[in-house]
Amino acid sequence: MRKLGNGECTMNQQTRLQALSTFLKAQRAKILPQSVGLAPGTRRRTPGLRREEVAQLAGVSSTWYTWLEQGRDIKVSPSVLDAVARALQLTVDEHKYLYALALETGSGVGQSPQKDEPPQINPALKRILKELRSCPTIISDRRSHIVGWNEAATHVFLDFEQIPYEERNLIRLVFTRKELRRLAVNWEHFVSGFLAIFRANYGQYVEDEWYEQFLSEMRQVHPDFHDLWEQSRVSSAPEVLLEFRHAKVGKMLFHLTSLQVSGNADLRCSIYTPDPNSATETKLWQLIDRPVSSSQP
């Protein structure tokens, strides 16, 4: 780990270690003692496991785990982190997130910051966007800025062309645009998918100062952001069913599938597939003023 001359952590390291501390505390609080064979007890001041219980389950010393959770700059190994991950019942994506924060294994560490102009979408990806006529699709970068979309997305969500690139951030838009708040029947469920992806990216690029600046801004401007962020999952590809109440056609059901796009731009493709057991696709074609035919996919 990089150190300053006086032995103190750099600001970027402090940010990473604080993120690690917050993550471990949140995961520990989610686990019921009885679910891991421990007595619930009557003197627990906080929900979930105690630090010493996590240490016991992981087979590490209570002092070492306490230091890890406090965000101290201590030596860690992959095998010990694996044991902690098992004790905290982490998912595959959460396990990767733990590695990224504790071992600095994020792909973004050491890379130059992302430029302020939008990444270029190659012709093949543009063709895919065009072909997904009945599936609203959005392409976003690692900071959740929207860099591409298709016509269906414009009709269901927003006309992104009218929004400047620097304001066209998925996380910011779902909190600021009233149209999107009204669109989702369960808005918090809608937001959770975006935050899960954003947190996965955050783990990879935690030393990019942009993330902390953005999170600080969101906390200050949107009071409900903090709790949703702290409760958010870590998932690079959440699969969820979303129910919308569109102003023009009413109820619509979509399955969200998120895919990592190959290449150096670190882009993500979010595809909203109409639920086959609903009238969503028919309504979508009504929105884009194109009749449904048997030849449509």
C-alpha atoms as a PDB file:
ATOM      1  CA  MET A   1       0.000   0.000   0.000  1.00  0.00           C
ATOM      2  CA  ARG A   2       1.201   3.495  -0.756  1.00  0.00           C
ATOM      3  CA  LYS A   3       2.165   5.573   2.275  1.00  0.00           C
ATOM      4  CA  LEU A   4       2.891   9.199   2.944  1.00  0.00           C
ATOM      5  CA  GLY A   5       6.251  10.111   4.374  1.00  0.00           C
ATOM      6  CA  ASN A   6       4.967  10.153   7.938  1.00  0.00           C
ATOM      7  CA  GLY A   7       3.397   6.683   7.622  1.00  0.00           C
ATOM      8  CA  GLU A   8      -0.172   7.897   7.256  1.00  0.00           C
ATOM      9  CA  CYS A   9      -2.508   6.557   4.591  1.00  0.00           C
ATOM     10  CA  THR A  10      -3.144   8.673   1.548  1.00  0.00           C
ATOM     11  CA  MET A  11      -6.579  10.231   1.197  1.00  0.00           C
ATOM     12  CA  ASN A  12      -7.519   7.702  -1.477  1.00  0.00           C
ATOM     13  CA  GLN A  13      -6.520   4.842   0.807  1.00  0.00           C
ATOM     14  CA  GLN A  14      -8.541   6.343   3.641  1.00  0.00           C
ATOM     15  CA  THR A  15     -11.555   6.439   1.344  1.00  0.00           C
ATOM     16  CA  ARG A  16     -11.061   2.795   0.374  1.00  0.00           C
ATOM     17  CA  LEU A  17     -10.561   1.612   3.953  1.00  0.00           C
ATOM     18  CA  GLN A  18     -13.598   3.575   5.136  1.00  0.00           C
ATOM     19  CA  ALA A  19     -15.674   1.950   2.390  1.00  0.00           C
ATOM     20  CA  LEU A  20     -14.399  -1.445   3.565  1.00  0.00           C
ATOM     21  CA  SER A  21     -15.347  -0.637   7.159  1.00  0.00           C
ATOM     22  CA  THR A  22     -18.852   0.475   6.200  1.00  0.00           C
ATOM     23  CA  PHE A  23     -19.393  -2.607   4.045  1.00  0.00           C
ATOM     24  CA  LEU A  24     -18.304  -5.089   6.728  1.00  0.00           C
ATOM     25  CA  LYS A  25     -20.509  -3.467   9.369  1.00  0.00           C
ATOM     26  CA  ALA A  26     -23.527  -3.520   7.040  1.00  0.00           C
ATOM     27  CA  GLN A  27     -23.025  -7.183   6.116  1.00  0.00           C
ATOM     28  CA  ARG A  28     -22.541  -8.211   9.750  1.00  0.00           C
ATOM     29  CA  ALA A  29     -25.792  -6.483  10.717  1.00  0.00           C
ATOM     30  CA  LYS A  30     -27.753  -8.512   8.148  1.00  0.00           C
ATOM     31  CA  ILE A  31     -26.997 -11.947   9.640  1.00  0.00           C
ATOM     32  CA  LEU A  32     -29.296 -13.342  12.312  1.00  0.00           C
ATOM     33  CA  PRO A  33     -27.317 -15.165  15.044  1.00  0.00           C
ATOM     34  CA  GLN A  34     -29.687 -18.152  14.955  1.00  0.00           C
ATOM     35  CA  SER A  35     -29.074 -18.544  11.207  1.00  0.00           C
ATOM     36  CA  VAL A  36     -25.457 -19.521  11.939  1.00  0.00           C
ATOM     37  CA  GLY A  37     -26.206 -21.639  14.994  1.00  0.00           C
ATOM     38  CA  LEU A  38     -25.707 -18.956  17.646  1.00  0.00           C
ATOM     39  CA  ALA A  39     -28.126 -18.047  20.419  1.00  0.00           C
ATOM     40  CA  PRO A  40     -29.961 -14.767  19.747  1.00  0.00           C
ATOM     41  CA  GLY A  41     -29.365 -13.547  23.300  1.00  0.00           C
ATOM     42  CA  THR A  42     -31.128 -10.703  25.071  1.00  0.00           C
ATOM     43  CA  ARG A  43     -28.318  -8.159  25.480  1.00  0.00           C
ATOM     44  CA  ARG A  44     -27.599  -7.339  21.845  1.00  0.00           C
ATOM     45  CA  ARG A  45     -27.509  -3.594  21.316  1.00  0.00           C
ATOM     46  CA  THR A  46     -27.428  -3.820  17.522  1.00  0.00           C
ATOM     47  CA  PRO A  47     -28.919  -6.252  14.995  1.00  0.00           C
ATOM     48  CA  GLY A  48     -26.872  -9.042  13.489  1.00  0.00           C
ATOM     49  CA  LEU A  49     -23.677 -10.644  14.669  1.00  0.00           C
ATOM     50  CA  ARG A  50     -21.102  -9.242  17.035  1.00  0.00           C
ATOM     51  CA  ARG A  51     -17.550  -8.689  15.789  1.00  0.00           C
ATOM     52  CA  GLU A  52     -16.190 -11.497  17.936  1.00  0.00           C
ATOM     53  CA  GLU A  53     -18.813 -13.861  16.491  1.00  0.00           C
ATOM     54  CA  VAL A  54     -17.735 -13.072  12.937  1.00  0.00           C
ATOM     55  CA  ALA A  55     -14.130 -13.644  13.974  1.00  0.00           C
ATOM     56  CA  GLN A  56     -15.078 -16.985  15.536  1.00  0.00           C
ATOM     57  CA  LEU A  57     -16.941 -18.116  12.417  1.00  0.00           C
ATOM     58  CA  ALA A  58     -14.040 -17.030  10.201  1.00  0.00           C
ATOM     59  CA  GLY A  59     -11.387 -18.623  12.392  1.00  0.00           C
ATOM     60  CA  VAL A  60      -9.454 -15.385  12.954  1.00  0.00           C
ATOM     61  CA  SER A  61      -8.607 -13.427  16.066  1.00  0.00           C
ATOM     62  CA  SER A  62     -11.201 -11.008  17.371  1.00  0.00           C
ATOM     63  CA  THR A  63      -8.603  -8.239  17.488  1.00  0.00           C
ATOM     64  CA  TRP A  64      -7.606  -8.727  13.835  1.00  0.00           C
ATOM     65  CA  TYR A  65     -11.209  -8.698  12.622  1.00  0.00           C
ATOM     66  CA  THR A  66     -11.970  -5.617  14.744  1.00  0.00           C
ATOM     67  CA  TRP A  67      -9.051  -3.788  13.129  1.00  0.00           C
ATOM     68  CA  LEU A  68     -10.209  -4.888   9.682  1.00  0.00           C
ATOM     69  CA  GLU A  69     -13.722  -3.620  10.311  1.00  0.00           C
ATOM     70  CA  GLN A  70     -12.394  -0.380  11.756  1.00  0.00           C
ATOM     71  CA  GLY A  71     -10.634   0.274   8.457  1.00  0.00           C
ATOM     72  CA  ARG A  72      -7.114   0.068   9.834  1.00  0.00           C
ATOM     73  CA  ASP A  73      -4.236  -0.362   7.400  1.00  0.00           C
ATOM     74  CA  ILE A  74      -3.369  -3.967   8.272  1.00  0.00           C
ATOM     75  CA  LYS A  75      -1.986  -6.919   6.339  1.00  0.00           C
ATOM     76  CA  VAL A  76      -4.635  -9.198   4.831  1.00  0.00           C
ATOM     77  CA  SER A  77      -4.424 -12.334   2.706  1.00  0.00           C
ATOM     78  CA  PRO A  78      -6.851 -13.793   0.158  1.00  0.00           C
ATOM     79  CA  SER A  79      -7.365 -16.966   2.225  1.00  0.00           C
ATOM     80  CA  VAL A  80      -8.344 -15.023   5.335  1.00  0.00           C
ATOM     81  CA  LEU A  81     -10.653 -12.779   3.325  1.00  0.00           C
ATOM     82  CA  ASP A  82     -12.271 -15.914   1.894  1.00  0.00           C
ATOM     83  CA  ALA A  83     -12.953 -17.075   5.451  1.00  0.00           C
ATOM     84  CA  VAL A  84     -14.484 -13.699   6.347  1.00  0.00           C
ATOM     85  CA  ALA A  85     -16.602 -13.822   3.184  1.00  0.00           C
ATOM     86  CA  ARG A  86     -17.949 -17.251   4.174  1.00  0.00           C
ATOM     87  CA  ALA A  87     -18.693 -16.065   7.707  1.00  0.00           C
ATOM     88  CA  LEU A  88     -20.610 -13.070   6.359  1.00  0.00           C
ATOM     89  CA  GLN A  89     -22.397 -15.217   3.736  1.00  0.00           C
ATOM     90  CA  LEU A  90     -21.310 -12.944   0.882  1.00  0.00           C
ATOM     91  CA  THR A  91     -22.511 -13.432  -2.669  1.00  0.00           C
ATOM     92  CA  VAL A  92     -20.012 -13.791  -5.513  1.00  0.00           C
ATOM     93  CA  ASP A  93     -20.237 -10.072  -6.339  1.00  0.00           C
ATOM     94  CA  GLU A  94     -19.969  -9.091  -2.673  1.00  0.00           C
ATOM     95  CA  HIS A  95     -16.920 -11.357  -2.360  1.00  0.00           C
ATOM     96  CA  LYS A  96     -15.280  -9.556  -5.300  1.00  0.00           C
ATOM     97  CA  TYR A  97     -16.194  -6.216  -3.699  1.00  0.00           C
ATOM     98  CA  LEU A  98     -14.476  -7.292  -0.469  1.00  0.00           C
ATOM     99  CA  TYR A  99     -11.347  -8.234  -2.428  1.00  0.00           C
ATOM    100  CA  ALA A 100     -11.357  -4.950  -4.328  1.00  0.00           C
ATOM    101  CA  LEU A 101     -11.505  -2.901  -1.130  1.00  0.00           C
ATOM    102  CA  ALA A 102      -9.192  -4.989   1.046  1.00  0.00           C
ATOM    103  CA  LEU A 103      -6.598  -6.055  -1.523  1.00  0.00           C
ATOM    104  CA  GLU A 104      -6.801  -3.191  -4.026  1.00  0.00           C
ATOM    105  CA  THR A 105      -7.649  -5.686  -6.777  1.00  0.00           C
ATOM    106  CA  GLY A 106     -10.127  -3.387  -8.525  1.00  0.00           C
ATOM    107  CA  SER A 107      -9.430  -3.113 -12.223  1.00  0.00           C
ATOM    108  CA  GLY A 108      -9.447   0.656 -11.950  1.00  0.00           C
ATOM    109  CA  VAL A 109      -6.632   0.939  -9.442  1.00  0.00           C
ATOM    110  CA  GLY A 110      -3.683   2.633 -11.039  1.00  0.00           C
ATOM    111  CA  GLN A 111      -5.561   3.657 -14.157  1.00  0.00           C
ATOM    112  CA  SER A 112      -5.982   7.256 -15.193  1.00  0.00           C
ATOM    113  CA  PRO A 113      -9.297   8.912 -14.289  1.00  0.00           C
ATOM    114  CA  GLN A 114     -12.130   8.716 -16.741  1.00  0.00           C
ATOM    115  CA  LYS A 115     -12.312  11.656 -19.110  1.00  0.00           C
ATOM    116  CA  ASP A 116     -15.300  14.002 -18.944  1.00  0.00           C
ATOM    117  CA  GLU A 117     -16.403  13.337 -22.517  1.00  0.00           C
ATOM    118  CA  PRO A 118     -18.635  10.290 -23.175  1.00  0.00           C
ATOM    119  CA  PRO A 119     -16.964   7.058 -24.316  1.00  0.00           C
ATOM    120  CA  GLN A 120     -17.468   6.174 -27.953  1.00  0.00           C
ATOM    121  CA  ILE A 121     -19.901   3.376 -28.813  1.00  0.00           C
ATOM    122  CA  ASN A 122     -18.639   1.149 -31.590  1.00  0.00           C
ATOM    123  CA  PRO A 123     -20.776   0.419 -34.685  1.00  0.00           C
ATOM    124  CA  ALA A 124     -21.588  -3.129 -33.555  1.00  0.00           C
ATOM    125  CA  LEU A 125     -23.060  -1.886 -30.276  1.00  0.00           C
ATOM    126  CA  LYS A 126     -25.029   0.802 -32.111  1.00  0.00           C
ATOM    127  CA  ARG A 127     -26.452  -1.939 -34.331  1.00  0.00           C
ATOM    128  CA  ILE A 128     -27.476  -3.958 -31.279  1.00  0.00           C
ATOM    129  CA  LEU A 129     -29.263  -0.931 -29.822  1.00  0.00           C
ATOM    130  CA  LYS A 130     -31.141  -0.429 -33.054  1.00  0.00           C
ATOM    131  CA  GLU A 131     -32.126  -4.098 -33.379  1.00  0.00           C
ATOM    132  CA  LEU A 132     -33.536  -4.304 -29.838  1.00  0.00           C
ATOM    133  CA  ARG A 133     -36.684  -2.555 -31.021  1.00  0.00           C
ATOM    134  CA  SER A 134     -39.065  -4.004 -28.428  1.00  0.00           C
ATOM    135  CA  CYS A 135     -36.632  -3.845 -25.500  1.00  0.00           C
ATOM    136  CA  PRO A 136     -35.798  -0.459 -23.975  1.00  0.00           C
ATOM    137  CA  THR A 137     -32.007  -0.508 -23.699  1.00  0.00           C
ATOM    138  CA  ILE A 138     -29.525   1.859 -22.063  1.00  0.00           C
ATOM    139  CA  ILE A 139     -25.718   1.886 -22.299  1.00  0.00           C
ATOM    140  CA  SER A 140     -23.921   3.421 -19.329  1.00  0.00           C
ATOM    141  CA  ASP A 141     -20.278   3.911 -18.360  1.00  0.00           C
ATOM    142  CA  ARG A 142     -18.595   2.976 -15.089  1.00  0.00           C
ATOM    143  CA  ARG A 143     -19.811   6.194 -13.474  1.00  0.00           C
ATOM    144  CA  SER A 144     -23.403   5.417 -14.554  1.00  0.00           C
ATOM    145  CA  HIS A 145     -23.451   8.179 -17.157  1.00  0.00           C
ATOM    146  CA  ILE A 146     -25.783   7.284 -20.007  1.00  0.00           C
ATOM    147  CA  VAL A 147     -23.841   7.141 -23.263  1.00  0.00           C
ATOM    148  CA  GLY A 148     -26.306   5.304 -25.498  1.00  0.00           C
ATOM    149  CA  TRP A 149     -29.952   4.287 -25.746  1.00  0.00           C
ATOM    150  CA  ASN A 150     -32.537   3.139 -28.254  1.00  0.00           C
ATOM    151  CA  GLU A 151     -35.898   4.499 -29.344  1.00  0.00           C
ATOM    152  CA  ALA A 152     -37.835   2.219 -27.012  1.00  0.00           C
ATOM    153  CA  ALA A 153     -35.944   3.612 -24.006  1.00  0.00           C
ATOM    154  CA  THR A 154     -36.839   7.133 -25.061  1.00  0.00           C
ATOM    155  CA  HIS A 155     -40.557   6.277 -25.083  1.00  0.00           C
ATOM    156  CA  VAL A 156     -40.558   4.437 -21.764  1.00  0.00           C
ATOM    157  CA  PHE A 157     -38.143   6.588 -19.756  1.00  0.00           C
ATOM    158  CA  LEU A 158     -36.952   9.985 -21.000  1.00  0.00           C
ATOM    159  CA  ASP A 159     -35.719  11.673 -24.150  1.00  0.00           C
ATOM    160  CA  PHE A 160     -32.094  11.475 -23.094  1.00  0.00           C
ATOM    161  CA  GLU A 161     -31.030  13.522 -26.101  1.00  0.00           C
ATOM    162  CA  GLN A 162     -32.485  16.589 -24.368  1.00  0.00           C
ATOM    163  CA  ILE A 163     -30.290  16.090 -21.281  1.00  0.00           C
ATOM    164  CA  PRO A 164     -26.642  17.296 -21.339  1.00  0.00           C
ATOM    165  CA  TYR A 165     -24.106  14.520 -20.901  1.00  0.00           C
ATOM    166  CA  GLU A 166     -22.784  15.866 -17.593  1.00  0.00           C
ATOM    167  CA  GLU A 167     -26.335  15.675 -16.152  1.00  0.00           C
ATOM    168  CA  ARG A 168     -27.196  12.359 -17.814  1.00  0.00           C
ATOM    169  CA  ASN A 169     -26.261  10.167 -14.871  1.00  0.00           C
ATOM    170  CA  LEU A 170     -28.594   7.234 -14.139  1.00  0.00           C
ATOM    171  CA  ILE A 171     -28.300   7.548 -10.363  1.00  0.00           C
ATOM    172  CA  ARG A 172     -28.867  11.286 -10.394  1.00  0.00           C
ATOM    173  CA  LEU A 173     -31.787  11.056 -12.815  1.00  0.00           C
ATOM    174  CA  VAL A 174     -33.770   8.475 -10.823  1.00  0.00           C
ATOM    175  CA  PHE A 175     -33.559  10.774  -7.805  1.00  0.00           C
ATOM    176  CA  THR A 176     -34.180  14.101  -9.543  1.00  0.00           C
ATOM    177  CA  ARG A 177     -36.651  13.454 -12.364  1.00  0.00           C
ATOM    178  CA  LYS A 178     -40.246  13.319 -11.205  1.00  0.00           C
ATOM    179  CA  GLU A 179     -41.210  11.356 -14.328  1.00  0.00           C
ATOM    180  CA  LEU A 180     -39.011   8.461 -13.212  1.00  0.00           C
ATOM    181  CA  ARG A 181     -40.282   8.572  -9.630  1.00  0.00           C
ATOM    182  CA  ARG A 182     -43.853   8.387 -10.927  1.00  0.00           C
ATOM    183  CA  LEU A 183     -43.020   5.705 -13.472  1.00  0.00           C
ATOM    184  CA  ALA A 184     -41.875   3.004 -11.047  1.00  0.00           C
ATOM    185  CA  VAL A 185     -44.613   1.433  -8.921  1.00  0.00           C
ATOM    186  CA  ASN A 186     -41.975   0.522  -6.317  1.00  0.00           C
ATOM    187  CA  TRP A 187     -39.461   3.317  -6.777  1.00  0.00           C
ATOM    188  CA  GLU A 188     -37.040   2.031  -4.128  1.00  0.00           C
ATOM    189  CA  HIS A 189     -36.966  -1.361  -5.847  1.00  0.00           C
ATOM    190  CA  PHE A 190     -36.329   0.432  -9.145  1.00  0.00           C
ATOM    191  CA  VAL A 191     -33.433   2.389  -7.642  1.00  0.00           C
ATOM    192  CA  SER A 192     -31.928  -0.642  -5.927  1.00  0.00           C
ATOM    193  CA  GLY A 193     -30.856  -2.241  -9.218  1.00  0.00           C
ATOM    194  CA  PHE A 194     -28.959   0.870 -10.307  1.00  0.00           C
ATOM    195  CA  LEU A 195     -27.327   1.271  -6.892  1.00  0.00           C
ATOM    196  CA  ALA A 196     -26.241  -2.384  -6.859  1.00  0.00           C
ATOM    197  CA  ILE A 197     -24.383  -1.898 -10.143  1.00  0.00           C
ATOM    198  CA  PHE A 198     -23.007   1.464  -9.031  1.00  0.00           C
ATOM    199  CA  ARG A 199     -21.633  -0.071  -5.822  1.00  0.00           C
ATOM    200  CA  ALA A 200     -19.946  -2.852  -7.803  1.00  0.00           C
ATOM    201  CA  ASN A 201     -18.234  -0.199  -9.954  1.00  0.00           C
ATOM    202  CA  TYR A 202     -17.389   1.818  -6.851  1.00  0.00           C
ATOM    203  CA  GLY A 203     -15.509  -1.185  -5.451  1.00  0.00           C
ATOM    204  CA  GLN A 204     -13.460  -1.399  -8.655  1.00  0.00           C
ATOM    205  CA  TYR A 205     -12.698   2.320  -8.838  1.00  0.00           C
ATOM    206  CA  VAL A 206     -12.908   3.460  -5.202  1.00  0.00           C
ATOM    207  CA  GLU A 207      -9.689   5.454  -5.562  1.00  0.00           C
ATOM    208  CA  ASP A 208     -11.250   7.580  -8.299  1.00  0.00           C
ATOM    209  CA  GLU A 209     -12.057  10.763  -6.355  1.00  0.00           C
ATOM    210  CA  TRP A 210     -15.088  11.389  -8.559  1.00  0.00           C
ATOM    211  CA  TYR A 211     -17.065   8.716  -6.694  1.00  0.00           C
ATOM    212  CA  GLU A 212     -16.686  10.318  -3.271  1.00  0.00           C
ATOM    213  CA  GLN A 213     -17.541  13.740  -4.678  1.00  0.00           C
ATOM    214  CA  PHE A 214     -20.636  12.322  -6.360  1.00  0.00           C
ATOM    215  CA  LEU A 215     -21.763  10.404  -3.255  1.00  0.00           C
ATOM    216  CA  SER A 216     -21.273  13.495  -1.090  1.00  0.00           C
ATOM    217  CA  GLU A 217     -23.346  15.566  -3.503  1.00  0.00           C
ATOM    218  CA  MET A 218     -26.142  12.995  -3.604  1.00  0.00           C
ATOM    219  CA  ARG A 219     -26.294  12.796   0.198  1.00  0.00           C
ATOM    220  CA  GLN A 220     -26.537  16.574   0.484  1.00  0.00           C
ATOM    221  CA  VAL A 221     -29.114  17.112  -2.251  1.00  0.00           C
ATOM    222  CA  HIS A 222     -31.309  14.042  -1.736  1.00  0.00           C
ATOM    223  CA  PRO A 223     -32.086  13.143   1.913  1.00  0.00           C
ATOM    224  CA  ASP A 224     -33.372   9.668   0.986  1.00  0.00           C
ATOM    225  CA  PHE A 225     -30.187   8.745  -0.864  1.00  0.00           C
ATOM    226  CA  HIS A 226     -28.053   7.978   2.204  1.00  0.00           C
ATOM    227  CA  ASP A 227     -30.181   5.145   3.601  1.00  0.00           C
ATOM    228  CA  LEU A 228     -30.759   3.587   0.185  1.00  0.00           C
ATOM    229  CA  TRP A 229     -27.029   3.700  -0.537  1.00  0.00           C
ATOM    230  CA  GLU A 230     -26.089   2.163   2.813  1.00  0.00           C
ATOM    231  CA  GLN A 231     -28.656  -0.622   2.311  1.00  0.00           C
ATOM    232  CA  SER A 232     -27.735  -1.284  -1.312  1.00  0.00           C
ATOM    233  CA  ARG A 233     -26.542  -4.662  -2.497  1.00  0.00           C
ATOM    234  CA  VAL A 234     -23.452  -5.315  -4.572  1.00  0.00           C
ATOM    235  CA  SER A 235     -24.309  -6.841  -7.933  1.00  0.00           C
ATOM    236  CA  SER A 236     -22.696  -6.473 -11.321  1.00  0.00           C
ATOM    237  CA  ALA A 237     -25.722  -8.002 -13.039  1.00  0.00           C
ATOM    238  CA  PRO A 238     -28.963  -7.778 -11.033  1.00  0.00           C
ATOM    239  CA  GLU A 239     -31.976  -9.511 -12.542  1.00  0.00           C
ATOM    240  CA  VAL A 240     -35.218  -7.982 -11.328  1.00  0.00           C
ATOM    241  CA  LEU A 241     -38.839  -7.672 -12.405  1.00  0.00           C
ATOM    242  CA  LEU A 242     -39.997  -4.058 -12.522  1.00  0.00           C
ATOM    243  CA  GLU A 243     -43.541  -2.765 -12.660  1.00  0.00           C
ATOM    244  CA  PHE A 244     -44.111   0.620 -14.284  1.00  0.00           C
ATOM    245  CA  ARG A 245     -47.182   2.820 -14.467  1.00  0.00           C
ATOM    246  CA  HIS A 246     -46.655   4.649 -17.724  1.00  0.00           C
ATOM    247  CA  ALA A 247     -48.541   7.933 -18.114  1.00  0.00           C
ATOM    248  CA  LYS A 248     -49.829   6.966 -21.583  1.00  0.00           C
ATOM    249  CA  VAL A 249     -50.348   3.196 -21.567  1.00  0.00           C
ATOM    250  CA  GLY A 250     -50.593   2.240 -17.896  1.00  0.00           C
ATOM    251  CA  LYS A 251     -49.119  -0.929 -16.377  1.00  0.00           C
ATOM    252  CA  MET A 252     -45.945  -2.308 -17.937  1.00  0.00           C
ATOM    253  CA  LEU A 253     -43.766  -5.163 -16.665  1.00  0.00           C
ATOM    254  CA  PHE A 254     -40.091  -5.492 -17.580  1.00  0.00           C
ATOM    255  CA  HIS A 255     -37.316  -7.915 -16.690  1.00  0.00           C
ATOM    256  CA  LEU A 256     -34.025  -6.054 -16.228  1.00  0.00           C
ATOM    257  CA  THR A 257     -30.897  -7.807 -17.467  1.00  0.00           C
ATOM    258  CA  SER A 258     -27.549  -6.060 -17.113  1.00  0.00           C
ATOM    259  CA  LEU A 259     -24.572  -7.123 -19.238  1.00  0.00           C
ATOM    260  CA  GLN A 260     -20.941  -6.028 -19.237  1.00  0.00           C
ATOM    261  CA  VAL A 261     -19.850  -4.893 -22.692  1.00  0.00           C
ATOM    262  CA  SER A 262     -16.504  -6.276 -23.841  1.00  0.00           C
ATOM    263  CA  GLY A 263     -13.796  -3.773 -24.675  1.00  0.00           C
ATOM    264  CA  ASN A 264     -11.739  -1.094 -22.945  1.00  0.00           C
ATOM    265  CA  ALA A 265     -14.503   1.451 -22.346  1.00  0.00           C
ATOM    266  CA  ASP A 266     -16.017  -0.466 -19.367  1.00  0.00           C
ATOM    267  CA  LEU A 267     -19.595  -0.041 -20.542  1.00  0.00           C
ATOM    268  CA  ARG A 268     -22.737  -1.761 -19.285  1.00  0.00           C
ATOM    269  CA  CYS A 269     -25.830  -2.639 -21.283  1.00  0.00           C
ATOM    270  CA  SER A 270     -29.124  -2.612 -19.345  1.00  0.00           C
ATOM    271  CA  ILE A 271     -31.914  -4.340 -21.254  1.00  0.00           C
ATOM    272  CA  TYR A 272     -35.563  -4.117 -20.209  1.00  0.00           C
ATOM    273  CA  THR A 273     -37.345  -7.121 -21.696  1.00  0.00           C
ATOM    274  CA  PRO A 274     -41.181  -6.987 -21.739  1.00  0.00           C
ATOM    275  CA  ASP A 275     -42.704  -9.655 -19.517  1.00  0.00           C
ATOM    276  CA  PRO A 276     -44.103 -12.314 -21.897  1.00  0.00           C
ATOM    277  CA  ASN A 277     -47.149 -12.906 -19.699  1.00  0.00           C
ATOM    278  CA  SER A 278     -48.282  -9.286 -19.917  1.00  0.00           C
ATOM    279  CA  ALA A 279     -49.439  -6.829 -22.572  1.00  0.00           C
ATOM    280  CA  THR A 280     -46.251  -4.805 -22.177  1.00  0.00           C
ATOM    281  CA  GLU A 281     -44.835  -5.378 -25.653  1.00  0.00           C
ATOM    282  CA  THR A 282     -48.144  -4.444 -27.288  1.00  0.00           C
ATOM    283  CA  LYS A 283     -48.237  -1.243 -25.251  1.00  0.00           C
ATOM    284  CA  LEU A 284     -44.630  -0.493 -26.144  1.00  0.00           C
ATOM    285  CA  TRP A 285     -45.421  -0.664 -29.853  1.00  0.00           C
ATOM    286  CA  GLN A 286     -48.347   1.655 -29.207  1.00  0.00           C
ATOM    287  CA  LEU A 287     -45.942   4.138 -27.676  1.00  0.00           C
ATOM    288  CA  ILE A 288     -43.621   4.117 -30.654  1.00  0.00           C
ATOM    289  CA  ASP A 289     -46.590   4.207 -33.016  1.00  0.00           C
ATOM    290  CA  ARG A 290     -45.732   0.972 -34.727  1.00  0.00           C
ATOM    291  CA  PRO A 291     -48.257  -1.873 -35.056  1.00  0.00           C
ATOM    292  CA  VAL A 292     -47.445  -5.288 -33.702  1.00  0.00           C
ATOM    293  CA  SER A 293     -47.157  -7.980 -36.350  1.00  0.00           C
ATOM    294  CA  SER A 294     -46.477 -11.675 -36.248  1.00  0.00           C
ATOM    295  CA  SER A 295     -43.053 -11.057 -37.763  1.00  0.00           C
ATOM    296  CA  GLN A 296     -41.881  -8.966 -34.796  1.00  0.00           C
ATOM    297  CA  PRO A 297     -39.502 -10.714 -32.383  1.00  0.00           C
END
